[in-house]
Amino acid sequence: MHPTYSTTEVHTLLYTAYLRGRYDADINDLRGTWAEMAEPRATREQRVQARLDDMDQVARLAALRADRPYRIYPGGPVDWETGRPVRHLGAVAA
C-alpha cells in the first residue's frame, strides 16, 4: 500500500523544496560574489585602455568594410565631408 498524504503535507513538502532551492541559489550566488571579489580588479587605466582597444578594433573593421585605409585620428578639427584634418581654421570659419 502506498502512503497517502494530506493536502497540508503536500503543501509543506513543496514549500520546503522551494525554500531549499532558493537557499541553494542564494548560497551559489554568494559564493560567486566571493569568487569575483577574490580576483584582482582592473584599474581605471586598464578599463579605459580596454575600451579604447575595442573602439579601435571597431574603427578598423569599419574601414575594412568601407574599403578605405584606416587612419588614427590625430586630434583637432576635421573637415566634415572628407574626414581630413583642417590645416587652417580661418578657412573653416569663413
PDB file of N, CA and C in Angstrom:
ATOM      1  N   MET A   1       0.822  -1.193   0.000  1.00  0.00           N
ATOM      2  CA  MET A   1       0.000   0.000   0.000  1.00  0.00           C
ATOM      3  C   MET A   1       0.866   1.257   0.000  1.00  0.00           C
ATOM      4  N   HIS A   2       0.449   2.212  -0.770  1.00  0.00           N
ATOM      5  CA  HIS A   2       1.159   3.486  -0.838  1.00  0.00           C
ATOM      6  C   HIS A   2       0.618   4.433   0.227  1.00  0.00           C
ATOM      7  N   PRO A   3       1.531   5.174   0.831  1.00  0.00           N
ATOM      8  CA  PRO A   3       1.042   6.138   1.833  1.00  0.00           C
ATOM      9  C   PRO A   3       0.300   7.283   1.156  1.00  0.00           C
ATOM     10  N   THR A   4      -0.690   7.771   1.772  1.00  0.00           N
ATOM     11  CA  THR A   4      -1.428   8.929   1.270  1.00  0.00           C
ATOM     12  C   THR A   4      -1.068  10.135   2.120  1.00  0.00           C
ATOM     13  N   TYR A   5      -0.926  11.259   1.429  1.00  0.00           N
ATOM     14  CA  TYR A   5      -0.558  12.500   2.107  1.00  0.00           C
ATOM     15  C   TYR A   5      -1.722  13.470   2.028  1.00  0.00           C
ATOM     16  N   SER A   6      -1.885  14.200   3.084  1.00  0.00           N
ATOM     17  CA  SER A   6      -2.936  15.220   3.079  1.00  0.00           C
ATOM     18  C   SER A   6      -2.472  16.409   2.246  1.00  0.00           C
ATOM     19  N   THR A   7      -3.407  17.261   1.919  1.00  0.00           N
ATOM     20  CA  THR A   7      -3.098  18.465   1.154  1.00  0.00           C
ATOM     21  C   THR A   7      -2.087  19.330   1.901  1.00  0.00           C
ATOM     22  N   THR A   8      -2.221  19.436   3.197  1.00  0.00           N
ATOM     23  CA  THR A   8      -1.302  20.241   4.002  1.00  0.00           C
ATOM     24  C   THR A   8       0.107  19.653   3.955  1.00  0.00           C
ATOM     25  N   GLU A   9       0.228  18.335   4.013  1.00  0.00           N
ATOM     26  CA  GLU A   9       1.537  17.702   3.955  1.00  0.00           C
ATOM     27  C   GLU A   9       2.199  17.910   2.584  1.00  0.00           C
ATOM     28  N   VAL A  10       1.405  17.789   1.533  1.00  0.00           N
ATOM     29  CA  VAL A  10       1.928  18.017   0.186  1.00  0.00           C
ATOM     30  C   VAL A  10       2.385  19.468   0.059  1.00  0.00           C
ATOM     31  N   HIS A  11       1.570  20.382   0.551  1.00  0.00           N
ATOM     32  CA  HIS A  11       1.922  21.798   0.513  1.00  0.00           C
ATOM     33  C   HIS A  11       3.218  22.047   1.280  1.00  0.00           C
ATOM     34  N   THR A  12       3.353  21.444   2.436  1.00  0.00           N
ATOM     35  CA  THR A  12       4.549  21.610   3.260  1.00  0.00           C
ATOM     36  C   THR A  12       5.779  21.060   2.553  1.00  0.00           C
ATOM     37  N   LEU A  13       5.657  19.888   1.932  1.00  0.00           N
ATOM     38  CA  LEU A  13       6.788  19.306   1.203  1.00  0.00           C
ATOM     39  C   LEU A  13       7.211  20.174   0.011  1.00  0.00           C
ATOM     40  N   LEU A  14       6.239  20.663  -0.737  1.00  0.00           N
ATOM     41  CA  LEU A  14       6.548  21.524  -1.881  1.00  0.00           C
ATOM     42  C   LEU A  14       7.189  22.828  -1.435  1.00  0.00           C
ATOM     43  N   TYR A  15       6.645  23.403  -0.379  1.00  0.00           N
ATOM     44  CA  TYR A  15       7.186  24.659   0.128  1.00  0.00           C
ATOM     45  C   TYR A  15       8.612  24.459   0.651  1.00  0.00           C
ATOM     46  N   THR A  16       8.862  23.347   1.325  1.00  0.00           N
ATOM     47  CA  THR A  16      10.196  23.042   1.829  1.00  0.00           C
ATOM     48  C   THR A  16      11.182  22.863   0.673  1.00  0.00           C
ATOM     49  N   ALA A  17      10.759  22.187  -0.375  1.00  0.00           N
ATOM     50  CA  ALA A  17      11.616  22.005  -1.547  1.00  0.00           C
ATOM     51  C   ALA A  17      11.908  23.352  -2.210  1.00  0.00           C
ATOM     52  N   TYR A  18      10.892  24.212  -2.288  1.00  0.00           N
ATOM     53  CA  TYR A  18      11.076  25.542  -2.859  1.00  0.00           C
ATOM     54  C   TYR A  18      12.086  26.335  -2.038  1.00  0.00           C
ATOM     55  N   LEU A  19      11.930  26.322  -0.720  1.00  0.00           N
ATOM     56  CA  LEU A  19      12.854  27.056   0.139  1.00  0.00           C
ATOM     57  C   LEU A  19      14.275  26.524   0.020  1.00  0.00           C
ATOM     58  N   ARG A  20      14.397  25.213  -0.080  1.00  0.00           N
ATOM     59  CA  ARG A  20      15.732  24.621  -0.226  1.00  0.00           C
ATOM     60  C   ARG A  20      16.371  25.058  -1.551  1.00  0.00           C
ATOM     61  N   GLY A  21      15.587  25.104  -2.608  1.00  0.00           N
ATOM     62  CA  GLY A  21      16.090  25.568  -3.901  1.00  0.00           C
ATOM     63  C   GLY A  21      16.517  27.025  -3.839  1.00  0.00           C
ATOM     64  N   ARG A  22      15.692  27.848  -3.181  1.00  0.00           N
ATOM     65  CA  ARG A  22      16.048  29.269  -3.022  1.00  0.00           C
ATOM     66  C   ARG A  22      17.328  29.415  -2.209  1.00  0.00           C
ATOM     67  N   TYR A  23      17.439  28.623  -1.146  1.00  0.00           N
ATOM     68  CA  TYR A  23      18.625  28.666  -0.296  1.00  0.00           C
ATOM     69  C   TYR A  23      19.866  28.291  -1.107  1.00  0.00           C
ATOM     70  N   ASP A  24      19.781  27.208  -1.873  1.00  0.00           N
ATOM     71  CA  ASP A  24      20.918  26.776  -2.692  1.00  0.00           C
ATOM     72  C   ASP A  24      21.295  27.852  -3.710  1.00  0.00           C
ATOM     73  N   ALA A  25      20.293  28.473  -4.341  1.00  0.00           N
ATOM     74  CA  ALA A  25      20.570  29.530  -5.315  1.00  0.00           C
ATOM     75  C   ALA A  25      21.247  30.724  -4.647  1.00  0.00           C
ATOM     76  N   ASP A  26      20.779  31.107  -3.472  1.00  0.00           N
ATOM     77  CA  ASP A  26      21.382  32.234  -2.761  1.00  0.00           C
ATOM     78  C   ASP A  26      22.814  31.923  -2.334  1.00  0.00           C
ATOM     79  N   ILE A  27      23.052  30.723  -1.866  1.00  0.00           N
ATOM     80  CA  ILE A  27      24.413  30.331  -1.471  1.00  0.00           C
ATOM     81  C   ILE A  27      25.340  30.333  -2.676  1.00  0.00           C
ATOM     82  N   ASN A  28      24.878  29.802  -3.806  1.00  0.00           N
ATOM     83  CA  ASN A  28      25.706  29.803  -5.022  1.00  0.00           C
ATOM     84  C   ASN A  28      25.990  31.216  -5.493  1.00  0.00           C
ATOM     85  N   ASP A  29      25.005  32.097  -5.386  1.00  0.00           N
ATOM     86  CA  ASP A  29      25.208  33.496  -5.758  1.00  0.00           C
ATOM     87  C   ASP A  29      26.240  34.148  -4.843  1.00  0.00           C
ATOM     88  N   LEU A  30      26.151  33.860  -3.561  1.00  0.00           N
ATOM     89  CA  LEU A  30      27.102  34.402  -2.596  1.00  0.00           C
ATOM     90  C   LEU A  30      28.512  33.886  -2.868  1.00  0.00           C
ATOM     91  N   ARG A  31      28.634  32.604  -3.171  1.00  0.00           N
ATOM     92  CA  ARG A  31      29.955  32.049  -3.496  1.00  0.00           C
ATOM     93  C   ARG A  31      30.520  32.686  -4.757  1.00  0.00           C
ATOM     94  N   GLY A  32      29.659  32.937  -5.732  1.00  0.00           N
ATOM     95  CA  GLY A  32      30.111  33.622  -6.945  1.00  0.00           C
ATOM     96  C   GLY A  32      30.596  35.024  -6.651  1.00  0.00           C
ATOM     97  N   THR A  33      29.901  35.734  -5.772  1.00  0.00           N
ATOM     98  CA  THR A  33      30.320  37.079  -5.392  1.00  0.00           C
ATOM     99  C   THR A  33      31.673  37.038  -4.699  1.00  0.00           C
ATOM    100  N   TRP A  34      31.863  36.075  -3.813  1.00  0.00           N
ATOM    101  CA  TRP A  34      33.153  35.949  -3.130  1.00  0.00           C
ATOM    102  C   TRP A  34      34.269  35.648  -4.119  1.00  0.00           C
ATOM    103  N   ALA A  35      33.985  34.812  -5.103  1.00  0.00           N
ATOM    104  CA  ALA A  35      35.000  34.481  -6.109  1.00  0.00           C
ATOM    105  C   ALA A  35      35.367  35.710  -6.925  1.00  0.00           C
ATOM    106  N   GLU A  36      34.371  36.535  -7.269  1.00  0.00           N
ATOM    107  CA  GLU A  36      34.645  37.758  -8.023  1.00  0.00           C
ATOM    108  C   GLU A  36      35.479  38.729  -7.205  1.00  0.00           C
ATOM    109  N   MET A  37      35.188  38.810  -5.906  1.00  0.00           N
ATOM    110  CA  MET A  37      35.917  39.738  -5.051  1.00  0.00           C
ATOM    111  C   MET A  37      37.363  39.294  -4.860  1.00  0.00           C
ATOM    112  N   ALA A  38      37.629  37.999  -4.946  1.00  0.00           N
ATOM    113  CA  ALA A  38      38.981  37.487  -4.770  1.00  0.00           C
ATOM    114  C   ALA A  38      39.870  37.782  -5.979  1.00  0.00           C
ATOM    115  N   GLU A  39      39.249  37.965  -7.147  1.00  0.00           N
ATOM    116  CA  GLU A  39      40.017  38.255  -8.359  1.00  0.00           C
ATOM    117  C   GLU A  39      40.534  39.680  -8.310  1.00  0.00           C
ATOM    118  N   PRO A  40      41.728  39.918  -8.865  1.00  0.00           N
ATOM    119  CA  PRO A  40      42.224  41.293  -8.897  1.00  0.00           C
ATOM    120  C   PRO A  40      41.360  42.147  -9.814  1.00  0.00           C
ATOM    121  N   ARG A  41      41.061  43.339  -9.358  1.00  0.00           N
ATOM    122  CA  ARG A  41      40.222  44.236 -10.153  1.00  0.00           C
ATOM    123  C   ARG A  41      41.061  45.063 -11.108  1.00  0.00           C
ATOM    124  N   ALA A  42      40.468  45.362 -12.242  1.00  0.00           N
ATOM    125  CA  ALA A  42      41.149  46.202 -13.225  1.00  0.00           C
ATOM    126  C   ALA A  42      41.156  47.645 -12.742  1.00  0.00           C
ATOM    127  N   THR A  43      42.255  48.315 -12.983  1.00  0.00           N
ATOM    128  CA  THR A  43      42.330  49.729 -12.625  1.00  0.00           C
ATOM    129  C   THR A  43      41.551  50.544 -13.643  1.00  0.00           C
ATOM    130  N   ARG A  44      41.316  51.784 -13.323  1.00  0.00           N
ATOM    131  CA  ARG A  44      40.607  52.667 -14.259  1.00  0.00           C
ATOM    132  C   ARG A  44      41.371  52.767 -15.568  1.00  0.00           C
ATOM    133  N   GLU A  45      42.690  52.882 -15.485  1.00  0.00           N
ATOM    134  CA  GLU A  45      43.503  52.971 -16.707  1.00  0.00           C
ATOM    135  C   GLU A  45      43.349  51.720 -17.568  1.00  0.00           C
ATOM    136  N   GLN A  46      43.306  50.564 -16.934  1.00  0.00           N
ATOM    137  CA  GLN A  46      43.143  49.329 -17.690  1.00  0.00           C
ATOM    138  C   GLN A  46      41.770  49.251 -18.342  1.00  0.00           C
ATOM    139  N   ARG A  47      40.732  49.709 -17.624  1.00  0.00           N
ATOM    140  CA  ARG A  47      39.376  49.695 -18.196  1.00  0.00           C
ATOM    141  C   ARG A  47      39.275  50.666 -19.365  1.00  0.00           C
ATOM    142  N   VAL A  48      39.889  51.857 -19.228  1.00  0.00           N
ATOM    143  CA  VAL A  48      39.860  52.841 -20.317  1.00  0.00           C
ATOM    144  C   VAL A  48      40.635  52.309 -21.515  1.00  0.00           C
ATOM    145  N   GLN A  49      41.792  51.697 -21.271  1.00  0.00           N
ATOM    146  CA  GLN A  49      42.580  51.145 -22.371  1.00  0.00           C
ATOM    147  C   GLN A  49      41.821  50.035 -23.091  1.00  0.00           C
ATOM    148  N   ALA A  50      41.126  49.187 -22.339  1.00  0.00           N
ATOM    149  CA  ALA A  50      40.333  48.121 -22.959  1.00  0.00           C
ATOM    150  C   ALA A  50      39.224  48.713 -23.821  1.00  0.00           C
ATOM    151  N   ARG A  51      38.610  49.779 -23.333  1.00  0.00           N
ATOM    152  CA  ARG A  51      37.546  50.446 -24.100  1.00  0.00           C
ATOM    153  C   ARG A  51      38.097  51.066 -25.376  1.00  0.00           C
ATOM    154  N   LEU A  52      39.256  51.716 -25.278  1.00  0.00           N
ATOM    155  CA  LEU A  52      39.888  52.303 -26.463  1.00  0.00           C
ATOM    156  C   LEU A  52      40.280  51.227 -27.465  1.00  0.00           C
ATOM    157  N   ASP A  53      40.778  50.094 -26.972  1.00  0.00           N
ATOM    158  CA  ASP A  53      41.124  48.994 -27.870  1.00  0.00           C
ATOM    159  C   ASP A  53      39.895  48.472 -28.600  1.00  0.00           C
ATOM    160  N   ASP A  54      38.763  48.375 -27.899  1.00  0.00           N
ATOM    161  CA  ASP A  54      37.520  47.938 -28.540  1.00  0.00           C
ATOM    162  C   ASP A  54      37.094  48.919 -29.628  1.00  0.00           C
ATOM    163  N   MET A  55      37.155  50.220 -29.322  1.00  0.00           N
ATOM    164  CA  MET A  55      36.760  51.230 -30.309  1.00  0.00           C
ATOM    165  C   MET A  55      37.700  51.209 -31.506  1.00  0.00           C
ATOM    166  N   ASP A  56      38.990  50.996 -31.251  1.00  0.00           N
ATOM    167  CA  ASP A  56      39.961  50.928 -32.340  1.00  0.00           C
ATOM    168  C   ASP A  56      39.667  49.746 -33.249  1.00  0.00           C
ATOM    169  N   GLN A  57      39.343  48.616 -32.649  1.00  0.00           N
ATOM    170  CA  GLN A  57      39.024  47.432 -33.448  1.00  0.00           C
ATOM    171  C   GLN A  57      37.771  47.661 -34.303  1.00  0.00           C
ATOM    172  N   VAL A  58      36.759  48.296 -33.722  1.00  0.00           N
ATOM    173  CA  VAL A  58      35.540  48.594 -34.472  1.00  0.00           C
ATOM    174  C   VAL A  58      35.847  49.536 -35.634  1.00  0.00           C
ATOM    175  N   ALA A  59      36.691  50.554 -35.398  1.00  0.00           N
ATOM    176  CA  ALA A  59      37.051  51.505 -36.459  1.00  0.00           C
ATOM    177  C   ALA A  59      37.836  50.814 -37.567  1.00  0.00           C
ATOM    178  N   ARG A  60      38.724  49.904 -37.189  1.00  0.00           N
ATOM    179  CA  ARG A  60      39.492  49.172 -38.211  1.00  0.00           C
ATOM    180  C   ARG A  60      38.564  48.309 -39.077  1.00  0.00           C
ATOM    181  N   LEU A  61      37.609  47.632 -38.436  1.00  0.00           N
ATOM    182  CA  LEU A  61      36.672  46.801 -39.201  1.00  0.00           C
ATOM    183  C   LEU A  61      35.781  47.654 -40.101  1.00  0.00           C
ATOM    184  N   ALA A  62      35.359  48.828 -39.613  1.00  0.00           N
ATOM    185  CA  ALA A  62      34.532  49.720 -40.434  1.00  0.00           C
ATOM    186  C   ALA A  62      35.316  50.200 -41.648  1.00  0.00           C
ATOM    187  N   ALA A  63      36.593  50.528 -41.460  1.00  0.00           N
ATOM    188  CA  ALA A  63      37.421  50.967 -42.586  1.00  0.00           C
ATOM    189  C   ALA A  63      37.612  49.826 -43.580  1.00  0.00           C
ATOM    190  N   LEU A  64      37.799  48.622 -43.067  1.00  0.00           N
ATOM    191  CA  LEU A  64      37.976  47.466 -43.941  1.00  0.00           C
ATOM    192  C   LEU A  64      36.705  47.203 -44.756  1.00  0.00           C
ATOM    193  N   ARG A  65      35.540  47.297 -44.102  1.00  0.00           N
ATOM    194  CA  ARG A  65      34.269  47.087 -44.808  1.00  0.00           C
ATOM    195  C   ARG A  65      34.012  48.167 -45.853  1.00  0.00           C
ATOM    196  N   ALA A  66      34.419  49.415 -45.547  1.00  0.00           N
ATOM    197  CA  ALA A  66      34.210  50.523 -46.482  1.00  0.00           C
ATOM    198  C   ALA A  66      35.305  50.589 -47.541  1.00  0.00           C
ATOM    199  N   ASP A  67      36.251  49.653 -47.474  1.00  0.00           N
ATOM    200  CA  ASP A  67      37.359  49.593 -48.427  1.00  0.00           C
ATOM    201  C   ASP A  67      38.124  50.912 -48.473  1.00  0.00           C
ATOM    202  N   ARG A  68      38.457  51.411 -47.293  1.00  0.00           N
ATOM    203  CA  ARG A  68      39.262  52.622 -47.192  1.00  0.00           C
ATOM    204  C   ARG A  68      40.358  52.378 -46.169  1.00  0.00           C
ATOM    205  N   PRO A  69      41.437  53.142 -46.247  1.00  0.00           N
ATOM    206  CA  PRO A  69      42.524  52.924 -45.283  1.00  0.00           C
ATOM    207  C   PRO A  69      42.116  53.360 -43.875  1.00  0.00           C
ATOM    208  N   TYR A  70      42.644  52.671 -42.903  1.00  0.00           N
ATOM    209  CA  TYR A  70      42.396  53.043 -41.513  1.00  0.00           C
ATOM    210  C   TYR A  70      43.469  54.027 -41.075  1.00  0.00           C
ATOM    211  N   ARG A  71      43.010  55.156 -40.547  1.00  0.00           N
ATOM    212  CA  ARG A  71      43.946  56.158 -40.040  1.00  0.00           C
ATOM    213  C   ARG A  71      43.560  56.516 -38.623  1.00  0.00           C
ATOM    214  N   ILE A  72      44.561  56.609 -37.755  1.00  0.00           N
ATOM    215  CA  ILE A  72      44.308  57.016 -36.378  1.00  0.00           C
ATOM    216  C   ILE A  72      44.034  58.510 -36.369  1.00  0.00           C
ATOM    217  N   TYR A  73      42.972  58.916 -35.669  1.00  0.00           N
ATOM    218  CA  TYR A  73      42.601  60.326 -35.595  1.00  0.00           C
ATOM    219  C   TYR A  73      43.667  61.093 -34.813  1.00  0.00           C
ATOM    220  N   PRO A  74      44.286  62.087 -35.435  1.00  0.00           N
ATOM    221  CA  PRO A  74      45.378  62.811 -34.775  1.00  0.00           C
ATOM    222  C   PRO A  74      44.891  63.858 -33.774  1.00  0.00           C
ATOM    223  N   GLY A  75      43.625  64.133 -33.762  1.00  0.00           N
ATOM    224  CA  GLY A  75      43.082  65.178 -32.889  1.00  0.00           C
ATOM    225  C   GLY A  75      42.935  66.479 -33.664  1.00  0.00           C
ATOM    226  N   GLY A  76      42.162  67.381 -33.134  1.00  0.00           N
ATOM    227  CA  GLY A  76      41.957  68.667 -33.783  1.00  0.00           C
ATOM    228  C   GLY A  76      40.749  68.653 -34.702  1.00  0.00           C
ATOM    229  N   PRO A  77      40.497  69.809 -35.350  1.00  0.00           N
ATOM    230  CA  PRO A  77      39.320  69.927 -36.224  1.00  0.00           C
ATOM    231  C   PRO A  77      39.465  69.078 -37.489  1.00  0.00           C
ATOM    232  N   VAL A  78      38.321  68.580 -37.959  1.00  0.00           N
ATOM    233  CA  VAL A  78      38.294  67.719 -39.131  1.00  0.00           C
ATOM    234  C   VAL A  78      37.232  68.231 -40.087  1.00  0.00           C
ATOM    235  N   ASP A  79      37.531  68.186 -41.387  1.00  0.00           N
ATOM    236  CA  ASP A  79      36.554  68.561 -42.403  1.00  0.00           C
ATOM    237  C   ASP A  79      35.437  67.531 -42.409  1.00  0.00           C
ATOM    238  N   TRP A  80      34.212  67.989 -42.321  1.00  0.00           N
ATOM    239  CA  TRP A  80      33.062  67.098 -42.182  1.00  0.00           C
ATOM    240  C   TRP A  80      32.898  66.168 -43.380  1.00  0.00           C
ATOM    241  N   GLU A  81      33.110  66.685 -44.573  1.00  0.00           N
ATOM    242  CA  GLU A  81      32.855  65.900 -45.783  1.00  0.00           C
ATOM    243  C   GLU A  81      33.973  64.927 -46.118  1.00  0.00           C
ATOM    244  N   THR A  82      35.218  65.349 -45.962  1.00  0.00           N
ATOM    245  CA  THR A  82      36.336  64.487 -46.357  1.00  0.00           C
ATOM    246  C   THR A  82      36.906  63.678 -45.206  1.00  0.00           C
ATOM    247  N   GLY A  83      36.745  64.170 -43.990  1.00  0.00           N
ATOM    248  CA  GLY A  83      37.323  63.486 -42.845  1.00  0.00           C
ATOM    249  C   GLY A  83      38.787  63.804 -42.637  1.00  0.00           C
ATOM    250  N   ARG A  84      39.305  64.712 -43.444  1.00  0.00           N
ATOM    251  CA  ARG A  84      40.716  65.095 -43.322  1.00  0.00           C
ATOM    252  C   ARG A  84      40.870  66.228 -42.309  1.00  0.00           C
ATOM    253  N   PRO A  85      42.039  66.283 -41.654  1.00  0.00           N
ATOM    254  CA  PRO A  85      42.271  67.376 -40.702  1.00  0.00           C
ATOM    255  C   PRO A  85      42.266  68.738 -41.404  1.00  0.00           C
ATOM    256  N   VAL A  86      41.731  69.724 -40.741  1.00  0.00           N
ATOM    257  CA  VAL A  86      41.714  71.084 -41.272  1.00  0.00           C
ATOM    258  C   VAL A  86      43.007  71.758 -40.831  1.00  0.00           C
ATOM    259  N   ARG A  87      43.743  72.299 -41.811  1.00  0.00           N
ATOM    260  CA  ARG A  87      45.038  72.919 -41.506  1.00  0.00           C
ATOM    261  C   ARG A  87      44.871  74.363 -41.068  1.00  0.00           C
ATOM    262  N   HIS A  88      43.939  75.064 -41.680  1.00  0.00           N
ATOM    263  CA  HIS A  88      43.760  76.489 -41.385  1.00  0.00           C
ATOM    264  C   HIS A  88      42.335  76.694 -40.878  1.00  0.00           C
ATOM    265  N   LEU A  89      42.215  77.087 -39.627  1.00  0.00           N
ATOM    266  CA  LEU A  89      40.889  77.272 -39.064  1.00  0.00           C
ATOM    267  C   LEU A  89      40.163  78.447 -39.712  1.00  0.00           C
ATOM    268  N   GLY A  90      40.887  79.412 -40.248  1.00  0.00           N
ATOM    269  CA  GLY A  90      40.249  80.553 -40.904  1.00  0.00           C
ATOM    270  C   GLY A  90      39.428  80.119 -42.101  1.00  0.00           C
ATOM    271  N   ALA A  91      39.859  79.086 -42.784  1.00  0.00           N
ATOM    272  CA  ALA A  91      39.130  78.587 -43.961  1.00  0.00           C
ATOM    273  C   ALA A  91      37.801  77.967 -43.544  1.00  0.00           C
ATOM    274  N   VAL A  92      37.731  77.399 -42.386  1.00  0.00           N
ATOM    275  CA  VAL A  92      36.507  76.778 -41.922  1.00  0.00           C
ATOM    276  C   VAL A  92      35.524  77.829 -41.439  1.00  0.00           C
ATOM    277  N   ALA A  93      36.029  78.844 -40.736  1.00  0.00           N
ATOM    278  CA  ALA A  93      35.167  79.865 -40.152  1.00  0.00           C
ATOM    279  C   ALA A  93      34.611  80.800 -41.205  1.00  0.00           C
ATOM    280  N   ALA A  94      35.261  80.959 -42.326  1.00  0.00           N
ATOM    281  CA  ALA A  94      34.821  81.920 -43.341  1.00  0.00           C
ATOM    282  C   ALA A  94      33.581  81.479 -44.074  1.00  0.00           C
TER     283      ALA A  94
END
